[in-house]
């Protein structure tokens, strides 16, 4: 489905009922925008692993502007603030009240910016293996020094320096680097994640060159007053546990859970525990 917001056609996909039968009545489920990582990836890597959450919330997956199945737009419009504002306009277009927001990796950047720009529209915030600032890369470099293979160390900087700009280069980078994102690598799952995506490396390069170097919401995290769940993976190299700790320390009354057998994709590697934790958070 495409919705035109802020001059761009944004793709979104809905999983689960917003109004579900219960006995002789109907029960409303909280809507939850699901924001993907990257930048320049799409929502597909969440599926099917997030699907059990549709029993508790109505999931609204979104491809950010310029990538996935959303419209290609001028790169200069691809800012984190604009992407957050796109979510707000989509919320209004869909006639929704306050919403939950779940973001992983760069999706967490996007979610945090949404939280500080549109606090009146937010009900709950779920942050999965993400960071509050551009300084995550310094921590990531240290983790890569400890964990990466020589080949991974050689290619790793290219994406974060905005040097990967073609589909072929992007695919090659992920082929080499994706195993590092997991505590327990499964080549079949990795292939599914890579093959299903509709990516845009030009957006990735632009944002790492021009936008992410100034990303830092740490001074504003204390303004977030909604229930917040912060989830970390013990073996996450790219947004290590310390990044989640910074978020949890700064958002009042935030809960934090670290999954001991996961890397960057907790919802894949420890799916049952992840789903249970999020359901308990949402229904508490």
C-alpha atoms as a PDB file:
ATOM      1  CA  UNK A   1       0.000   0.000   0.000  1.00  0.00           C
ATOM      2  CA  UNK A   2       1.231   3.480  -0.821  1.00  0.00           C
ATOM      3  CA  UNK A   3       0.316   6.661   0.998  1.00  0.00           C
ATOM      4  CA  UNK A   4       1.332  10.099  -0.229  1.00  0.00           C
ATOM      5  CA  UNK A   5       2.758  12.093   2.670  1.00  0.00           C
ATOM      6  CA  UNK A   6       4.982  15.167   2.602  1.00  0.00           C
ATOM      7  CA  UNK A   7       5.378  14.917  -1.165  1.00  0.00           C
ATOM      8  CA  UNK A   8       6.515  11.273  -1.219  1.00  0.00           C
ATOM      9  CA  UNK A   9       4.699   7.981  -1.774  1.00  0.00           C
ATOM     10  CA  UNK A  10       5.471   5.851   1.276  1.00  0.00           C
ATOM     11  CA  UNK A  11       4.926   2.085   1.297  1.00  0.00           C
ATOM     12  CA  UNK A  12       3.371   0.510   4.367  1.00  0.00           C
ATOM     13  CA  UNK A  13       2.041  -2.948   5.147  1.00  0.00           C
ATOM     14  CA  UNK A  14      -0.364  -3.876   7.949  1.00  0.00           C
ATOM     15  CA  UNK A  15      -0.273  -7.139   9.890  1.00  0.00           C
ATOM     16  CA  UNK A  16      -2.954  -8.023  12.427  1.00  0.00           C
ATOM     17  CA  UNK A  17      -6.400  -6.748  13.327  1.00  0.00           C
ATOM     18  CA  UNK A  18      -6.920  -3.303  14.731  1.00  0.00           C
ATOM     19  CA  UNK A  19     -10.244  -4.450  16.136  1.00  0.00           C
ATOM     20  CA  UNK A  20     -10.411  -8.113  17.130  1.00  0.00           C
ATOM     21  CA  UNK A  21     -13.379 -10.248  18.223  1.00  0.00           C
ATOM     22  CA  UNK A  22     -13.370 -11.305  21.861  1.00  0.00           C
ATOM     23  CA  UNK A  23     -16.356 -13.260  23.120  1.00  0.00           C
ATOM     24  CA  UNK A  24     -19.421 -11.198  22.323  1.00  0.00           C
ATOM     25  CA  UNK A  25     -17.481  -7.993  21.908  1.00  0.00           C
ATOM     26  CA  UNK A  26     -14.622  -6.411  20.040  1.00  0.00           C
ATOM     27  CA  UNK A  27     -11.242  -5.395  21.480  1.00  0.00           C
ATOM     28  CA  UNK A  28      -9.072  -2.639  20.024  1.00  0.00           C
ATOM     29  CA  UNK A  29      -5.381  -3.431  19.592  1.00  0.00           C
ATOM     30  CA  UNK A  30      -2.750  -0.740  19.862  1.00  0.00           C
ATOM     31  CA  UNK A  31      -1.230   0.234  16.501  1.00  0.00           C
ATOM     32  CA  UNK A  32       2.558  -0.005  16.258  1.00  0.00           C
ATOM     33  CA  UNK A  33       4.702   1.545  13.550  1.00  0.00           C
ATOM     34  CA  UNK A  34       7.667  -0.734  12.789  1.00  0.00           C
ATOM     35  CA  UNK A  35      10.703   1.193  11.547  1.00  0.00           C
ATOM     36  CA  UNK A  36      13.508  -0.636   9.765  1.00  0.00           C
ATOM     37  CA  UNK A  37      17.263  -0.232   9.841  1.00  0.00           C
ATOM     38  CA  UNK A  38      19.787   0.760   7.266  1.00  0.00           C
ATOM     39  CA  UNK A  39      19.449   3.471   6.221  1.00  0.00           C
ATOM     40  CA  UNK A  40      18.549   2.349   2.736  1.00  0.00           C
ATOM     41  CA  UNK A  41      17.224  -1.107   3.627  1.00  0.00           C
ATOM     42  CA  UNK A  42      13.514  -1.997   3.868  1.00  0.00           C
ATOM     43  CA  UNK A  43      11.086  -3.586   6.303  1.00  0.00           C
ATOM     44  CA  UNK A  44      11.306  -7.119   4.898  1.00  0.00           C
ATOM     45  CA  UNK A  45      13.977  -8.391   7.297  1.00  0.00           C
ATOM     46  CA  UNK A  46      11.450  -8.197  10.148  1.00  0.00           C
ATOM     47  CA  UNK A  47       9.266 -10.832   8.494  1.00  0.00           C
ATOM     48  CA  UNK A  48       8.231 -13.420   9.576  1.00  0.00           C
ATOM     49  CA  UNK A  49       9.958 -13.012  12.931  1.00  0.00           C
ATOM     50  CA  UNK A  50       7.788 -10.169  14.235  1.00  0.00           C
ATOM     51  CA  UNK A  51       4.520 -11.780  13.136  1.00  0.00           C
ATOM     52  CA  UNK A  52       3.595 -13.194  16.581  1.00  0.00           C
ATOM     53  CA  UNK A  53       3.409  -9.620  17.884  1.00  0.00           C
ATOM     54  CA  UNK A  54       0.342  -9.133  15.668  1.00  0.00           C
ATOM     55  CA  UNK A  55      -1.577 -11.103  18.301  1.00  0.00           C
ATOM     56  CA  UNK A  56      -1.033  -8.166  20.679  1.00  0.00           C
ATOM     57  CA  UNK A  57      -0.595  -5.108  18.442  1.00  0.00           C
ATOM     58  CA  UNK A  58      -1.534  -4.114  14.915  1.00  0.00           C
ATOM     59  CA  UNK A  59       1.833  -3.880  13.170  1.00  0.00           C
ATOM     60  CA  UNK A  60       2.340  -1.201  10.523  1.00  0.00           C
ATOM     61  CA  UNK A  61       5.597  -1.812   8.686  1.00  0.00           C
ATOM     62  CA  UNK A  62       6.983   1.214   6.830  1.00  0.00           C
ATOM     63  CA  UNK A  63       9.679   1.557   4.154  1.00  0.00           C
ATOM     64  CA  UNK A  64      11.299   4.933   4.659  1.00  0.00           C
ATOM     65  CA  UNK A  65      11.318   7.402   1.789  1.00  0.00           C
ATOM     66  CA  UNK A  66      13.706   6.592  -1.019  1.00  0.00           C
ATOM     67  CA  UNK A  67      14.017   2.865  -0.396  1.00  0.00           C
ATOM     68  CA  UNK A  68      12.177  -0.446  -0.347  1.00  0.00           C
ATOM     69  CA  UNK A  69       8.844  -0.105  -2.095  1.00  0.00           C
ATOM     70  CA  UNK A  70       8.555   3.592  -1.296  1.00  0.00           C
ATOM     71  CA  UNK A  71       9.053   6.226  -3.950  1.00  0.00           C
ATOM     72  CA  UNK A  72      12.583   7.265  -4.940  1.00  0.00           C
ATOM     73  CA  UNK A  73      12.921  10.900  -3.972  1.00  0.00           C
ATOM     74  CA  UNK A  74      15.668  13.552  -4.122  1.00  0.00           C
ATOM     75  CA  UNK A  75      18.428  12.462  -1.745  1.00  0.00           C
ATOM     76  CA  UNK A  76      18.479  15.831  -0.013  1.00  0.00           C
ATOM     77  CA  UNK A  77      14.989  15.105   1.355  1.00  0.00           C
ATOM     78  CA  UNK A  78      16.273  11.948   3.071  1.00  0.00           C
ATOM     79  CA  UNK A  79      16.882  13.202   6.584  1.00  0.00           C
ATOM     80  CA  UNK A  80      16.024  11.496   9.844  1.00  0.00           C
ATOM     81  CA  UNK A  81      13.749  14.380  10.789  1.00  0.00           C
ATOM     82  CA  UNK A  82      11.877  14.126   7.483  1.00  0.00           C
ATOM     83  CA  UNK A  83      11.430  10.389   7.914  1.00  0.00           C
ATOM     84  CA  UNK A  84      10.043  10.960  11.412  1.00  0.00           C
ATOM     85  CA  UNK A  85       7.668  13.597  10.053  1.00  0.00           C
ATOM     86  CA  UNK A  86       6.563  11.147   7.339  1.00  0.00           C
ATOM     87  CA  UNK A  87       5.480   8.744  10.078  1.00  0.00           C
ATOM     88  CA  UNK A  88       3.524  11.506  11.778  1.00  0.00           C
ATOM     89  CA  UNK A  89       1.695  12.388   8.562  1.00  0.00           C
ATOM     90  CA  UNK A  90       0.990   8.716   7.902  1.00  0.00           C
ATOM     91  CA  UNK A  91      -0.434   8.406  11.413  1.00  0.00           C
ATOM     92  CA  UNK A  92      -2.789  11.296  10.703  1.00  0.00           C
ATOM     93  CA  UNK A  93      -3.736   9.947   7.276  1.00  0.00           C
ATOM     94  CA  UNK A  94      -4.661   6.580   8.801  1.00  0.00           C
ATOM     95  CA  UNK A  95      -6.790   8.302  11.419  1.00  0.00           C
ATOM     96  CA  UNK A  96      -4.805   6.890  14.332  1.00  0.00           C
ATOM     97  CA  UNK A  97      -4.486   8.321  17.805  1.00  0.00           C
ATOM     98  CA  UNK A  98      -1.393   7.754  19.902  1.00  0.00           C
ATOM     99  CA  UNK A  99       0.757   4.952  18.518  1.00  0.00           C
ATOM    100  CA  UNK A 100       3.487   2.610  19.633  1.00  0.00           C
ATOM    101  CA  UNK A 101       6.758   2.777  17.707  1.00  0.00           C
ATOM    102  CA  UNK A 102       9.303  -0.036  17.368  1.00  0.00           C
ATOM    103  CA  UNK A 103      12.660   0.619  15.729  1.00  0.00           C
ATOM    104  CA  UNK A 104      15.748  -1.525  15.188  1.00  0.00           C
ATOM    105  CA  UNK A 105      19.224  -0.171  14.371  1.00  0.00           C
ATOM    106  CA  UNK A 106      18.793   2.946  12.183  1.00  0.00           C
ATOM    107  CA  UNK A 107      15.077   2.416  12.754  1.00  0.00           C
ATOM    108  CA  UNK A 108      15.825   3.251  16.382  1.00  0.00           C
ATOM    109  CA  UNK A 109      17.447   6.538  15.313  1.00  0.00           C
ATOM    110  CA  UNK A 110      14.274   7.283  13.379  1.00  0.00           C
ATOM    111  CA  UNK A 111      12.091   6.219  16.333  1.00  0.00           C
ATOM    112  CA  UNK A 112      13.980   8.386  18.828  1.00  0.00           C
ATOM    113  CA  UNK A 113      13.754  11.430  16.571  1.00  0.00           C
ATOM    114  CA  UNK A 114      10.028  10.762  16.215  1.00  0.00           C
ATOM    115  CA  UNK A 115       9.713  10.573  20.001  1.00  0.00           C
ATOM    116  CA  UNK A 116      11.269  13.986  20.572  1.00  0.00           C
ATOM    117  CA  UNK A 117       9.553  15.686  17.607  1.00  0.00           C
ATOM    118  CA  UNK A 118       6.050  14.272  18.121  1.00  0.00           C
ATOM    119  CA  UNK A 119       5.708  13.369  21.807  1.00  0.00           C
ATOM    120  CA  UNK A 120       1.954  13.974  21.831  1.00  0.00           C
ATOM    121  CA  UNK A 121       1.485  11.196  19.245  1.00  0.00           C
ATOM    122  CA  UNK A 122       3.468   8.486  21.030  1.00  0.00           C
ATOM    123  CA  UNK A 123       2.095   5.869  23.432  1.00  0.00           C
ATOM    124  CA  UNK A 124       5.040   3.467  23.889  1.00  0.00           C
ATOM    125  CA  UNK A 125       8.568   3.213  22.508  1.00  0.00           C
ATOM    126  CA  UNK A 126      10.432  -0.036  21.773  1.00  0.00           C
ATOM    127  CA  UNK A 127      14.103   0.349  20.835  1.00  0.00           C
ATOM    128  CA  UNK A 128      15.977  -2.698  19.572  1.00  0.00           C
ATOM    129  CA  UNK A 129      19.789  -2.737  19.235  1.00  0.00           C
ATOM    130  CA  UNK A 130      20.182   0.932  18.408  1.00  0.00           C
ATOM    131  CA  UNK A 131      22.107   4.032  19.467  1.00  0.00           C
ATOM    132  CA  UNK A 132      21.417   7.627  20.550  1.00  0.00           C
ATOM    133  CA  UNK A 133      24.249   9.196  18.524  1.00  0.00           C
ATOM    134  CA  UNK A 134      26.690   8.986  15.645  1.00  0.00           C
ATOM    135  CA  UNK A 135      29.353   7.944  18.145  1.00  0.00           C
ATOM    136  CA  UNK A 136      28.111   4.362  17.913  1.00  0.00           C
ATOM    137  CA  UNK A 137      30.666   3.876  15.140  1.00  0.00           C
ATOM    138  CA  UNK A 138      33.592   4.363  17.509  1.00  0.00           C
ATOM    139  CA  UNK A 139      32.273   1.546  19.683  1.00  0.00           C
ATOM    140  CA  UNK A 140      31.561  -0.549  16.582  1.00  0.00           C
ATOM    141  CA  UNK A 141      35.149  -0.195  15.377  1.00  0.00           C
ATOM    142  CA  UNK A 142      36.412  -1.537  18.695  1.00  0.00           C
ATOM    143  CA  UNK A 143      34.035  -4.488  18.521  1.00  0.00           C
ATOM    144  CA  UNK A 144      35.054  -5.208  14.928  1.00  0.00           C
ATOM    145  CA  UNK A 145      38.711  -5.216  15.963  1.00  0.00           C
ATOM    146  CA  UNK A 146      37.890  -7.974  18.447  1.00  0.00           C
ATOM    147  CA  UNK A 147      35.400 -10.035  16.462  1.00  0.00           C
ATOM    148  CA  UNK A 148      35.740  -9.499  12.729  1.00  0.00           C
ATOM    149  CA  UNK A 149      37.648 -11.609  10.237  1.00  0.00           C
ATOM    150  CA  UNK A 150      40.462  -9.922   8.257  1.00  0.00           C
ATOM    151  CA  UNK A 151      38.134  -9.706   5.244  1.00  0.00           C
ATOM    152  CA  UNK A 152      35.383  -8.097   7.330  1.00  0.00           C
ATOM    153  CA  UNK A 153      37.839  -5.591   8.817  1.00  0.00           C
ATOM    154  CA  UNK A 154      38.952  -4.644   5.330  1.00  0.00           C
ATOM    155  CA  UNK A 155      35.487  -3.974   3.895  1.00  0.00           C
ATOM    156  CA  UNK A 156      33.648  -2.761   7.015  1.00  0.00           C
ATOM    157  CA  UNK A 157      34.390   1.003   6.759  1.00  0.00           C
ATOM    158  CA  UNK A 158      33.153   1.362   3.180  1.00  0.00           C
ATOM    159  CA  UNK A 159      29.415   1.561   3.942  1.00  0.00           C
ATOM    160  CA  UNK A 160      29.868   3.805   6.974  1.00  0.00           C
ATOM    161  CA  UNK A 161      32.054   6.177   4.967  1.00  0.00           C
ATOM    162  CA  UNK A 162      29.465   6.413   2.173  1.00  0.00           C
ATOM    163  CA  UNK A 163      31.644   4.676  -0.411  1.00  0.00           C
ATOM    164  CA  UNK A 164      29.238   1.885  -1.393  1.00  0.00           C
ATOM    165  CA  UNK A 165      26.883   3.237  -4.042  1.00  0.00           C
ATOM    166  CA  UNK A 166      25.915   0.406  -6.395  1.00  0.00           C
ATOM    167  CA  UNK A 167      23.689  -2.624  -5.909  1.00  0.00           C
ATOM    168  CA  UNK A 168      26.604  -4.935  -6.654  1.00  0.00           C
ATOM    169  CA  UNK A 169      28.867  -3.299  -4.082  1.00  0.00           C
ATOM    170  CA  UNK A 170      26.092  -3.255  -1.505  1.00  0.00           C
ATOM    171  CA  UNK A 171      25.279  -6.938  -1.990  1.00  0.00           C
ATOM    172  CA  UNK A 172      28.956  -7.880  -1.775  1.00  0.00           C
ATOM    173  CA  UNK A 173      29.337  -5.889   1.441  1.00  0.00           C
ATOM    174  CA  UNK A 174      26.399  -7.669   3.065  1.00  0.00           C
ATOM    175  CA  UNK A 175      27.575 -11.073   1.883  1.00  0.00           C
ATOM    176  CA  UNK A 176      30.802 -10.504   3.794  1.00  0.00           C
ATOM    177  CA  UNK A 177      29.517  -8.565   6.801  1.00  0.00           C
ATOM    178  CA  UNK A 178      26.153 -10.109   7.671  1.00  0.00           C
ATOM    179  CA  UNK A 179      27.625 -13.052   9.649  1.00  0.00           C
ATOM    180  CA  UNK A 180      29.180 -10.517  12.031  1.00  0.00           C
ATOM    181  CA  UNK A 181      25.696  -9.257  12.903  1.00  0.00           C
ATOM    182  CA  UNK A 182      24.764 -12.614  14.457  1.00  0.00           C
ATOM    183  CA  UNK A 183      25.900 -14.434  17.581  1.00  0.00           C
ATOM    184  CA  UNK A 184      25.131 -17.753  15.878  1.00  0.00           C
ATOM    185  CA  UNK A 185      25.332 -17.470  12.110  1.00  0.00           C
ATOM    186  CA  UNK A 186      22.754 -19.312  10.029  1.00  0.00           C
ATOM    187  CA  UNK A 187      23.484 -19.027   6.309  1.00  0.00           C
ATOM    188  CA  UNK A 188      19.908 -19.926   5.331  1.00  0.00           C
ATOM    189  CA  UNK A 189      18.451 -17.114   7.417  1.00  0.00           C
ATOM    190  CA  UNK A 190      21.123 -14.748   6.156  1.00  0.00           C
ATOM    191  CA  UNK A 191      20.247 -15.517   2.552  1.00  0.00           C
ATOM    192  CA  UNK A 192      16.555 -14.910   3.256  1.00  0.00           C
ATOM    193  CA  UNK A 193      17.324 -11.513   4.769  1.00  0.00           C
ATOM    194  CA  UNK A 194      19.530 -10.463   1.852  1.00  0.00           C
ATOM    195  CA  UNK A 195      17.362 -11.806  -0.980  1.00  0.00           C
ATOM    196  CA  UNK A 196      14.040 -10.392   0.218  1.00  0.00           C
ATOM    197  CA  UNK A 197      15.168  -6.810   0.559  1.00  0.00           C
ATOM    198  CA  UNK A 198      14.609  -3.979  -1.927  1.00  0.00           C
ATOM    199  CA  UNK A 199      17.430  -1.643  -0.991  1.00  0.00           C
ATOM    200  CA  UNK A 200      18.829   1.687  -2.152  1.00  0.00           C
ATOM    201  CA  UNK A 201      22.571   2.072  -1.517  1.00  0.00           C
ATOM    202  CA  UNK A 202      22.484   5.675  -2.764  1.00  0.00           C
ATOM    203  CA  UNK A 203      20.325   6.591   0.231  1.00  0.00           C
ATOM    204  CA  UNK A 204      22.679   4.645   2.490  1.00  0.00           C
ATOM    205  CA  UNK A 205      25.724   6.481   1.160  1.00  0.00           C
ATOM    206  CA  UNK A 206      24.085   9.902   1.282  1.00  0.00           C
ATOM    207  CA  UNK A 207      22.899   9.519   4.853  1.00  0.00           C
ATOM    208  CA  UNK A 208      26.207   8.186   6.172  1.00  0.00           C
ATOM    209  CA  UNK A 209      28.049  11.006   4.416  1.00  0.00           C
ATOM    210  CA  UNK A 210      25.693  13.894   5.088  1.00  0.00           C
ATOM    211  CA  UNK A 211      23.168  13.147   7.827  1.00  0.00           C
ATOM    212  CA  UNK A 212      24.268  10.584  10.390  1.00  0.00           C
ATOM    213  CA  UNK A 213      27.534  12.396  11.326  1.00  0.00           C
ATOM    214  CA  UNK A 214      25.375  15.035  13.066  1.00  0.00           C
ATOM    215  CA  UNK A 215      22.845  12.610  14.601  1.00  0.00           C
ATOM    216  CA  UNK A 216      22.765  12.970  18.406  1.00  0.00           C
ATOM    217  CA  UNK A 217      19.571  12.865  20.461  1.00  0.00           C
ATOM    218  CA  UNK A 218      21.291  12.335  23.817  1.00  0.00           C
ATOM    219  CA  UNK A 219      20.558  15.866  25.092  1.00  0.00           C
ATOM    220  CA  UNK A 220      16.817  15.334  24.511  1.00  0.00           C
ATOM    221  CA  UNK A 221      16.288  11.802  25.781  1.00  0.00           C
ATOM    222  CA  UNK A 222      15.154  13.118  29.160  1.00  0.00           C
ATOM    223  CA  UNK A 223      12.139  14.670  27.414  1.00  0.00           C
ATOM    224  CA  UNK A 224      10.744  11.233  26.526  1.00  0.00           C
ATOM    225  CA  UNK A 225       8.016  10.459  29.046  1.00  0.00           C
ATOM    226  CA  UNK A 226       6.284   7.437  27.570  1.00  0.00           C
ATOM    227  CA  UNK A 227       6.923   3.837  28.664  1.00  0.00           C
ATOM    228  CA  UNK A 228      10.106   2.738  26.912  1.00  0.00           C
ATOM    229  CA  UNK A 229      11.643  -0.698  26.417  1.00  0.00           C
ATOM    230  CA  UNK A 230      15.296  -0.864  25.356  1.00  0.00           C
ATOM    231  CA  UNK A 231      16.560  -4.196  23.995  1.00  0.00           C
ATOM    232  CA  UNK A 232      20.217  -5.072  23.455  1.00  0.00           C
ATOM    233  CA  UNK A 233      22.046  -8.103  22.078  1.00  0.00           C
ATOM    234  CA  UNK A 234      25.094  -9.156  24.072  1.00  0.00           C
ATOM    235  CA  UNK A 235      27.068  -9.969  20.904  1.00  0.00           C
ATOM    236  CA  UNK A 236      25.943  -6.988  18.811  1.00  0.00           C
ATOM    237  CA  UNK A 237      29.016  -5.473  17.191  1.00  0.00           C
ATOM    238  CA  UNK A 238      27.497  -2.467  15.416  1.00  0.00           C
ATOM    239  CA  UNK A 239      25.392  -0.991  18.245  1.00  0.00           C
ATOM    240  CA  UNK A 240      27.010  -2.623  21.280  1.00  0.00           C
ATOM    241  CA  UNK A 241      25.294  -2.974  24.647  1.00  0.00           C
ATOM    242  CA  UNK A 242      26.779   0.291  25.872  1.00  0.00           C
ATOM    243  CA  UNK A 243      24.741   2.191  23.296  1.00  0.00           C
ATOM    244  CA  UNK A 244      21.494   0.766  24.692  1.00  0.00           C
ATOM    245  CA  UNK A 245      22.686   1.535  28.231  1.00  0.00           C
ATOM    246  CA  UNK A 246      23.120   5.197  27.301  1.00  0.00           C
ATOM    247  CA  UNK A 247      19.521   5.320  26.109  1.00  0.00           C
ATOM    248  CA  UNK A 248      18.100   3.506  29.132  1.00  0.00           C
ATOM    249  CA  UNK A 249      20.017   5.736  31.542  1.00  0.00           C
ATOM    250  CA  UNK A 250      18.707   8.937  29.967  1.00  0.00           C
ATOM    251  CA  UNK A 251      15.022   8.108  29.376  1.00  0.00           C
ATOM    252  CA  UNK A 252      13.126   8.297  32.678  1.00  0.00           C
ATOM    253  CA  UNK A 253      11.983   4.880  33.936  1.00  0.00           C
ATOM    254  CA  UNK A 254      13.064   3.052  30.762  1.00  0.00           C
ATOM    255  CA  UNK A 255      13.303  -0.725  31.023  1.00  0.00           C
ATOM    256  CA  UNK A 256      16.298  -2.489  29.489  1.00  0.00           C
ATOM    257  CA  UNK A 257      16.753  -6.151  28.604  1.00  0.00           C
ATOM    258  CA  UNK A 258      19.954  -7.680  27.240  1.00  0.00           C
ATOM    259  CA  UNK A 259      19.613 -10.934  25.320  1.00  0.00           C
ATOM    260  CA  UNK A 260      22.670 -13.054  25.982  1.00  0.00           C
ATOM    261  CA  UNK A 261      22.614 -15.238  22.855  1.00  0.00           C
ATOM    262  CA  UNK A 262      21.970 -12.559  20.235  1.00  0.00           C
ATOM    263  CA  UNK A 263      23.789 -10.148  18.028  1.00  0.00           C
ATOM    264  CA  UNK A 264      22.092  -7.289  16.187  1.00  0.00           C
ATOM    265  CA  UNK A 265      18.915  -9.184  15.259  1.00  0.00           C
ATOM    266  CA  UNK A 266      17.507 -10.259  18.630  1.00  0.00           C
ATOM    267  CA  UNK A 267      14.049 -10.872  17.157  1.00  0.00           C
ATOM    268  CA  UNK A 268      15.591 -13.533  14.900  1.00  0.00           C
ATOM    269  CA  UNK A 269      18.098 -15.242  17.200  1.00  0.00           C
ATOM    270  CA  UNK A 270      15.976 -15.287  20.358  1.00  0.00           C
ATOM    271  CA  UNK A 271      12.563 -14.834  18.813  1.00  0.00           C
ATOM    272  CA  UNK A 272      10.508 -16.450  21.573  1.00  0.00           C
ATOM    273  CA  UNK A 273      12.127 -14.448  24.336  1.00  0.00           C
ATOM    274  CA  UNK A 274      11.920 -11.243  22.329  1.00  0.00           C
ATOM    275  CA  UNK A 275       8.237 -11.687  21.521  1.00  0.00           C
ATOM    276  CA  UNK A 276       7.455 -12.541  25.135  1.00  0.00           C
ATOM    277  CA  UNK A 277       9.322  -9.481  26.432  1.00  0.00           C
ATOM    278  CA  UNK A 278       7.589  -7.095  24.050  1.00  0.00           C
ATOM    279  CA  UNK A 279       4.146  -8.566  24.709  1.00  0.00           C
ATOM    280  CA  UNK A 280       4.667  -8.250  28.474  1.00  0.00           C
ATOM    281  CA  UNK A 281       5.804  -4.656  28.039  1.00  0.00           C
ATOM    282  CA  UNK A 282       2.831  -3.707  25.892  1.00  0.00           C
ATOM    283  CA  UNK A 283       0.232  -5.364  28.129  1.00  0.00           C
ATOM    284  CA  UNK A 284       1.719  -4.341  31.488  1.00  0.00           C
END
